[in-house]
Amino acid sequence: MSAKVLVVGGAGYIGSVTAGALVSEGFEVVTFDDLSTGHAAAVTGELIEGDIRDRALLTRVLREGKFDAVMHFAAKSLVGESVSHPLRYYDVNVGGTASLVCAMQDAGVHCLVFSSTCAIYGDPEYLPLDEEHPQNPVSPYGASKKMVEEILAACREKEDLRVTTLRYFNAAGCMPDGSLGESHKTETHLIPLAISAALGHRAPLSLFGTDYETRDGTCIRDYIHVLDLADAHIKALNRLLNGHKGDAYNVGTGVGTTVREVLAAIGRTLGTEVPYGIAERRPGDPPALYAAADKIRKELEWEPQWTEIDAIVRTAAQWSKAPRY
């Protein structure tokens, strides 16, 4: 289905890739972003620079643009920073989302796809994590996303908002053609950090803990390619545009990969080993996190196409060797 979509946070990593995928599927796209962490060079089509907390500006943009739907990626997302500065996270993530939804109401826009996270679950009580798992986030970042989900669920019930929330696991990889990639001012993700270390662009990687009760002693995570995330957003959006009220879904492969297995895949791709040193475990790092994604497979007919860690790493490495921005 063709429609006009405002991609809020569309200059960031996942937002920019999704915006590009939307255009390739025939959607008309406009990006709204404050460029605090995103990149103008990553934007597909028109860019409107602004703050998600600016309700008046958002209302004007939505009214004048006659949008059919919104995709919402704008957020602060550094767990460590959220612990040190929790108010920033509640202000932008919770307050900003409330501002956006109010602007949507004012402008008569009723469809929203929201970028959420598996961090809302906290330490796993069982694996794989399904959508019914108890929600006990261990950081202000995770707590802020949980609050937003609660707000959106209430709006779905009482405020005529059709909304789907997608709970990401570990987003990874880049566009295979090298056009868009992961470029954070403060990088915290394992794959780009490890590739950068292997290429000699940074100091050796710190491997946080090698004594977990896993198959090789390192943490297990579920790495989901950014293009598969974009596909999940488009499938969720189409269902909303067709009249469905929306729901919440995990977006992961269901496959757990250890840190050492990621480093080995990077070594195979680059032909050189990732240099690293052993460090103490980080507080709050569970031994394993991976998704049960049966619900999104069944209800949205979504299926990840990038299920091998080597394939995911290859795209990330291609970008790291020659980033555009």
Protein backbone atom coordinates (compact mmCIF):
# COMPACT_ATOMS: atom_id res chain seq x y z
CA MET A 1 0.00 0.00 0.00
CA SER A 2 1.32 3.44 -0.95
CA ALA A 3 1.03 6.20 1.65
CA LYS A 4 2.84 9.28 2.95
CA VAL A 5 4.92 8.63 6.07
CA LEU A 6 6.71 10.98 8.47
CA VAL A 7 9.80 9.16 9.74
CA VAL A 8 10.68 10.75 13.09
CA GLY A 9 14.33 10.01 13.84
CA GLY A 10 14.91 9.11 10.21
CA ALA A 11 18.50 10.43 10.16
CA GLY A 12 19.65 7.73 12.58
CA TYR A 13 20.87 4.21 11.91
CA ILE A 14 17.65 2.16 11.84
CA GLY A 15 15.41 5.07 10.87
CA SER A 16 17.44 5.97 7.78
CA VAL A 17 17.55 2.38 6.53
CA THR A 18 13.81 2.01 7.07
CA ALA A 19 13.12 5.30 5.29
CA GLY A 20 15.12 4.06 2.31
CA ALA A 21 13.22 0.76 2.33
CA LEU A 22 9.90 2.63 2.47
CA VAL A 23 10.80 4.64 -0.63
CA SER A 24 11.80 1.48 -2.49
CA GLU A 25 8.35 0.07 -1.63
CA GLY A 26 6.57 3.07 -3.14
CA PHE A 27 5.89 5.15 -0.03
CA GLU A 28 6.34 8.91 0.05
CA VAL A 29 8.71 9.74 2.92
CA VAL A 30 9.66 12.86 4.85
CA THR A 31 12.20 12.75 7.68
CA PHE A 32 11.89 14.73 10.93
CA ASP A 33 15.07 14.76 13.04
CA ASP A 34 17.04 17.11 15.29
CA LEU A 35 20.38 15.70 14.02
CA SER A 36 21.66 15.39 17.59
CA THR A 37 22.86 11.87 16.83
CA GLY A 38 21.74 11.32 13.23
CA HIS A 39 23.29 12.44 9.94
CA ALA A 40 21.77 14.65 7.26
CA ALA A 41 23.70 12.64 4.66
CA ALA A 42 21.74 9.52 5.69
CA VAL A 43 18.34 11.06 4.96
CA THR A 44 16.25 9.87 2.05
CA GLY A 45 14.26 12.73 0.51
CA GLU A 46 13.12 15.80 2.42
CA LEU A 47 14.52 16.57 5.89
CA ILE A 48 12.69 18.76 8.40
CA GLU A 49 14.98 19.63 11.29
CA GLY A 50 13.22 19.84 14.65
CA ASP A 51 12.86 18.54 18.20
CA ILE A 52 10.32 15.82 18.96
CA ARG A 53 9.31 17.78 22.07
CA ASP A 54 8.16 20.69 19.87
CA ARG A 55 4.46 19.86 19.64
CA ALA A 56 3.53 23.00 17.70
CA LEU A 57 6.11 22.30 14.99
CA LEU A 58 5.13 18.65 14.74
CA THR A 59 1.45 19.56 14.47
CA ARG A 60 2.16 22.03 11.70
CA VAL A 61 4.34 19.54 9.81
CA LEU A 62 1.74 16.79 10.08
CA ARG A 63 -1.17 19.03 9.08
CA GLU A 64 0.54 20.70 6.15
CA GLY A 65 2.07 17.46 4.91
CA LYS A 66 -1.21 15.52 5.00
CA PHE A 67 0.53 12.38 6.28
CA ASP A 68 -1.11 8.98 6.51
CA ALA A 69 1.19 7.56 9.19
CA VAL A 70 4.22 8.12 11.40
CA MET A 71 7.21 5.91 12.16
CA HIS A 72 8.87 6.86 15.43
CA PHE A 73 12.59 6.11 15.93
CA ALA A 74 13.63 9.24 17.82
CA ALA A 75 15.07 8.42 21.24
CA LYS A 76 18.04 8.56 23.52
CA SER A 77 19.38 5.01 23.67
CA LEU A 78 22.63 4.74 25.64
CA VAL A 79 22.02 2.53 28.67
CA GLY A 80 25.00 3.83 30.64
CA GLU A 81 24.11 7.47 30.00
CA SER A 82 20.53 6.77 31.08
CA VAL A 83 21.81 5.56 34.45
CA SER A 84 23.87 8.75 34.92
CA HIS A 85 21.27 11.15 33.50
CA PRO A 86 17.82 9.55 33.80
CA LEU A 87 15.88 12.80 33.41
CA ARG A 88 17.20 13.26 29.86
CA TYR A 89 15.73 9.87 28.95
CA TYR A 90 12.31 10.47 30.48
CA ASP A 91 12.21 13.96 28.95
CA VAL A 92 13.03 12.91 25.38
CA ASN A 93 11.76 9.33 25.21
CA VAL A 94 8.57 9.68 27.25
CA GLY A 95 7.85 13.41 26.99
CA GLY A 96 8.83 13.50 23.33
CA THR A 97 6.55 10.61 22.44
CA ALA A 98 3.62 12.19 24.28
CA SER A 99 4.28 15.39 22.31
CA LEU A 100 4.33 13.44 19.05
CA VAL A 101 1.09 11.57 19.73
CA CYS A 102 -0.67 14.78 20.77
CA ALA A 103 0.50 16.40 17.52
CA MET A 104 -0.80 13.39 15.58
CA GLN A 105 -4.19 13.82 17.25
CA ASP A 106 -4.22 17.53 16.50
CA ALA A 107 -3.43 16.79 12.85
CA GLY A 108 -5.78 13.82 12.48
CA VAL A 109 -3.07 11.20 11.86
CA HIS A 110 -3.99 7.86 13.41
CA CYS A 111 -1.29 5.29 12.45
CA LEU A 112 2.01 4.89 14.32
CA VAL A 113 4.82 2.32 14.33
CA PHE A 114 7.03 2.71 17.40
CA SER A 115 10.65 1.62 17.85
CA SER A 116 10.84 -0.21 21.19
CA THR A 117 13.38 -2.59 22.70
CA CYS A 118 13.88 -5.92 24.45
CA ALA A 119 15.37 -3.84 27.29
CA ILE A 120 11.84 -3.50 28.66
CA TYR A 121 12.04 -7.13 29.83
CA GLY A 122 15.10 -6.74 32.07
CA ASP A 123 16.89 -9.87 33.29
CA PRO A 124 15.29 -12.91 31.65
CA GLU A 125 13.26 -15.25 33.81
CA TYR A 126 13.15 -17.74 30.94
CA LEU A 127 14.40 -18.05 27.36
CA PRO A 128 13.60 -17.41 24.62
CA LEU A 129 11.91 -14.15 25.55
CA ASP A 130 8.33 -13.92 24.31
CA GLU A 131 5.95 -10.97 24.40
CA GLU A 132 4.33 -12.22 27.61
CA HIS A 133 7.59 -12.19 29.58
CA PRO A 134 7.40 -9.98 32.72
CA GLN A 135 8.65 -6.44 32.14
CA ASN A 136 11.22 -5.40 34.73
CA PRO A 137 13.70 -3.04 33.01
CA VAL A 138 17.01 -2.52 34.80
CA SER A 139 17.91 0.90 33.35
CA PRO A 140 16.14 4.25 32.90
CA TYR A 141 16.46 3.66 29.15
CA GLY A 142 14.47 0.43 29.36
CA ALA A 143 12.06 1.99 31.85
CA SER A 144 11.42 4.94 29.54
CA LYS A 145 10.56 2.62 26.65
CA LYS A 146 8.24 0.61 28.90
CA MET A 147 6.47 3.83 29.91
CA VAL A 148 6.04 4.78 26.26
CA GLU A 149 4.56 1.37 25.46
CA GLU A 150 2.07 1.84 28.30
CA ILE A 151 1.09 5.28 26.97
CA LEU A 152 0.64 3.94 23.46
CA ALA A 153 -1.40 0.94 24.62
CA ALA A 154 -3.74 3.31 26.47
CA CYS A 155 -4.03 5.51 23.37
CA ARG A 156 -4.83 2.44 21.28
CA GLU A 157 -7.63 1.60 23.69
CA LYS A 158 -9.08 5.07 24.27
CA GLU A 159 -7.66 7.66 21.85
CA ASP A 160 -8.33 6.20 18.38
CA LEU A 161 -4.64 5.50 17.74
CA ARG A 162 -3.67 2.49 15.64
CA VAL A 163 -0.19 1.65 16.90
CA THR A 164 2.28 -1.22 16.72
CA THR A 165 5.40 -1.40 18.87
CA LEU A 166 8.40 -3.42 17.71
CA ARG A 167 10.76 -4.68 20.41
CA TYR A 168 14.20 -4.96 18.83
CA PHE A 169 16.93 -7.27 19.94
CA ASN A 170 20.50 -6.42 18.78
CA ALA A 171 20.31 -4.40 15.57
CA ALA A 172 23.31 -5.08 13.34
CA GLY A 173 24.60 -4.91 9.79
CA CYS A 174 24.40 -2.22 7.11
CA MET A 175 23.05 -1.73 3.60
CA PRO A 176 24.84 -4.25 1.34
CA ASP A 177 25.46 -1.59 -1.33
CA GLY A 178 27.32 0.59 1.17
CA SER A 179 24.84 3.46 0.91
CA LEU A 180 23.72 3.55 4.55
CA GLY A 181 25.34 2.30 7.73
CA GLU A 182 25.89 2.47 11.45
CA SER A 183 27.68 5.66 12.47
CA HIS A 184 27.20 6.72 16.08
CA LYS A 185 28.99 9.58 17.77
CA THR A 186 29.29 7.32 20.81
CA GLU A 187 29.51 3.72 19.59
CA THR A 188 28.46 1.01 22.03
CA HIS A 189 27.54 -1.87 19.71
CA LEU A 190 29.80 -4.91 19.60
CA ILE A 191 30.04 -5.48 15.84
CA PRO A 192 31.17 -1.98 14.74
CA LEU A 193 33.49 -1.69 17.74
CA ALA A 194 35.11 -5.05 16.99
CA ILE A 195 35.46 -4.30 13.27
CA SER A 196 37.04 -0.94 14.06
CA ALA A 197 39.52 -2.64 16.41
CA ALA A 198 40.39 -5.25 13.77
CA LEU A 199 40.97 -2.52 11.17
CA GLY A 200 43.28 -0.71 13.60
CA HIS A 201 40.99 2.30 13.89
CA ARG A 202 40.68 2.00 17.67
CA ALA A 203 42.26 0.32 20.64
CA PRO A 204 41.75 -3.42 21.20
CA LEU A 205 38.23 -4.43 22.17
CA SER A 206 37.32 -5.02 25.82
CA LEU A 207 35.69 -8.41 26.21
CA PHE A 208 33.47 -8.07 29.28
CA GLY A 209 33.41 -11.43 30.99
CA THR A 210 34.53 -14.88 29.81
CA ASP A 211 33.12 -16.92 32.69
CA TYR A 212 29.40 -16.92 31.91
CA GLU A 213 27.54 -20.23 31.87
CA THR A 214 27.35 -20.30 28.08
CA ARG A 215 28.95 -22.54 25.47
CA ASP A 216 32.18 -20.52 25.36
CA GLY A 217 31.92 -18.35 28.48
CA THR A 218 30.82 -15.16 26.73
CA CYS A 219 27.41 -13.51 26.52
CA ILE A 220 24.82 -14.69 24.00
CA ARG A 221 22.74 -12.16 22.05
CA ASP A 222 20.24 -12.18 19.18
CA TYR A 223 21.61 -10.16 16.23
CA ILE A 224 18.95 -8.91 13.82
CA HIS A 225 19.94 -7.32 10.51
CA VAL A 226 18.79 -3.73 10.05
CA LEU A 227 17.12 -4.63 6.73
CA ASP A 228 15.03 -7.28 8.49
CA LEU A 229 14.03 -4.63 11.03
CA ALA A 230 13.01 -2.31 8.20
CA ASP A 231 10.91 -5.08 6.66
CA ALA A 232 9.16 -5.64 10.01
CA HIS A 233 8.31 -1.92 10.16
CA ILE A 234 6.83 -1.93 6.68
CA LYS A 235 4.73 -5.02 7.35
CA ALA A 236 3.49 -3.50 10.62
CA LEU A 237 2.66 -0.24 8.86
CA ASN A 238 0.72 -1.90 6.05
CA ARG A 239 -1.41 -3.77 8.57
CA LEU A 240 -2.24 -0.54 10.39
CA LEU A 241 -3.10 1.23 7.14
CA ASN A 242 -5.47 -1.64 6.37
CA GLY A 243 -7.36 -0.90 9.58
CA HIS A 244 -5.81 -3.15 12.23
CA LYS A 245 -5.52 -1.59 15.72
CA GLY A 246 -1.93 -2.81 16.16
CA ASP A 247 -0.03 -4.86 18.74
CA ALA A 248 3.44 -5.43 20.24
CA TYR A 249 5.99 -7.78 18.70
CA ASN A 250 9.50 -9.02 19.35
CA VAL A 251 11.80 -8.63 16.35
CA GLY A 252 14.71 -11.06 16.51
CA THR A 253 15.98 -14.13 14.74
CA GLY A 254 15.56 -16.47 17.70
CA VAL A 255 19.21 -17.46 17.20
CA GLY A 256 21.70 -16.69 19.96
CA THR A 257 25.32 -15.90 19.05
CA THR A 258 28.14 -15.58 21.58
CA VAL A 259 30.59 -12.68 21.66
CA ARG A 260 33.43 -15.02 20.70
CA GLU A 261 31.40 -16.29 17.73
CA VAL A 262 30.87 -12.70 16.56
CA LEU A 263 34.62 -12.02 16.81
CA ALA A 264 35.38 -15.20 14.87
CA ALA A 265 32.96 -14.15 12.12
CA ILE A 266 34.65 -10.75 11.89
CA GLY A 267 38.04 -12.47 11.68
CA ARG A 268 36.83 -14.64 8.80
CA THR A 269 35.40 -11.62 6.98
CA LEU A 270 38.43 -9.34 7.36
CA GLY A 271 41.12 -11.99 7.28
CA THR A 272 42.54 -10.68 10.54
CA GLU A 273 41.70 -11.44 14.14
CA VAL A 274 39.99 -8.93 16.39
CA PRO A 275 42.44 -7.77 19.07
CA TYR A 276 40.90 -7.79 22.51
CA GLY A 277 41.62 -7.79 26.22
CA ILE A 278 39.67 -9.52 28.97
CA ALA A 279 37.71 -7.23 31.30
CA GLU A 280 35.39 -7.76 34.24
CA ARG A 281 31.73 -8.47 33.67
CA ARG A 282 29.57 -5.37 33.34
CA PRO A 283 26.81 -5.01 35.95
CA GLY A 284 23.41 -5.85 34.49
CA ASP A 285 24.70 -7.97 31.59
CA PRO A 286 22.65 -11.21 31.58
CA PRO A 287 24.39 -14.32 30.20
CA ALA A 288 21.88 -14.73 27.36
CA LEU A 289 19.13 -12.79 25.58
CA TYR A 290 17.34 -14.05 22.49
CA ALA A 291 13.87 -13.74 21.08
CA ALA A 292 10.83 -15.85 20.59
CA ALA A 293 9.55 -14.24 17.37
CA ASP A 294 6.71 -16.66 16.60
CA LYS A 295 4.05 -13.99 17.00
CA ILE A 296 5.40 -11.61 14.33
CA ARG A 297 6.07 -14.52 11.99
CA LYS A 298 2.47 -15.68 12.29
CA GLU A 299 0.57 -12.40 12.42
CA LEU A 300 2.66 -10.20 10.10
CA GLU A 301 4.09 -13.01 7.94
CA TRP A 302 7.55 -11.63 8.64
CA GLU A 303 10.61 -13.83 8.29
CA PRO A 304 14.24 -12.72 8.80
CA GLN A 305 16.34 -13.05 5.68
CA TRP A 306 19.71 -12.49 7.36
CA THR A 307 20.12 -15.38 9.79
CA GLU A 308 23.86 -16.10 9.51
CA ILE A 309 26.21 -13.97 11.58
CA ASP A 310 28.85 -14.04 8.78
CA ALA A 311 26.39 -12.45 6.34
CA ILE A 312 25.44 -9.74 8.84
CA VAL A 313 29.09 -9.00 9.62
CA ARG A 314 30.02 -8.76 5.94
CA THR A 315 27.66 -5.84 5.38
CA ALA A 316 28.88 -4.07 8.52
CA ALA A 317 32.51 -4.56 7.49
CA GLN A 318 31.87 -3.17 4.02
CA TRP A 319 30.47 -0.01 5.58
CA SER A 320 33.27 0.31 8.16
CA LYS A 321 35.91 0.17 5.46
CA ALA A 322 34.37 3.11 3.56
CA PRO A 323 31.71 4.98 5.55
CA ARG A 324 29.87 7.79 3.72
CA TYR A 325 29.36 9.83 6.88
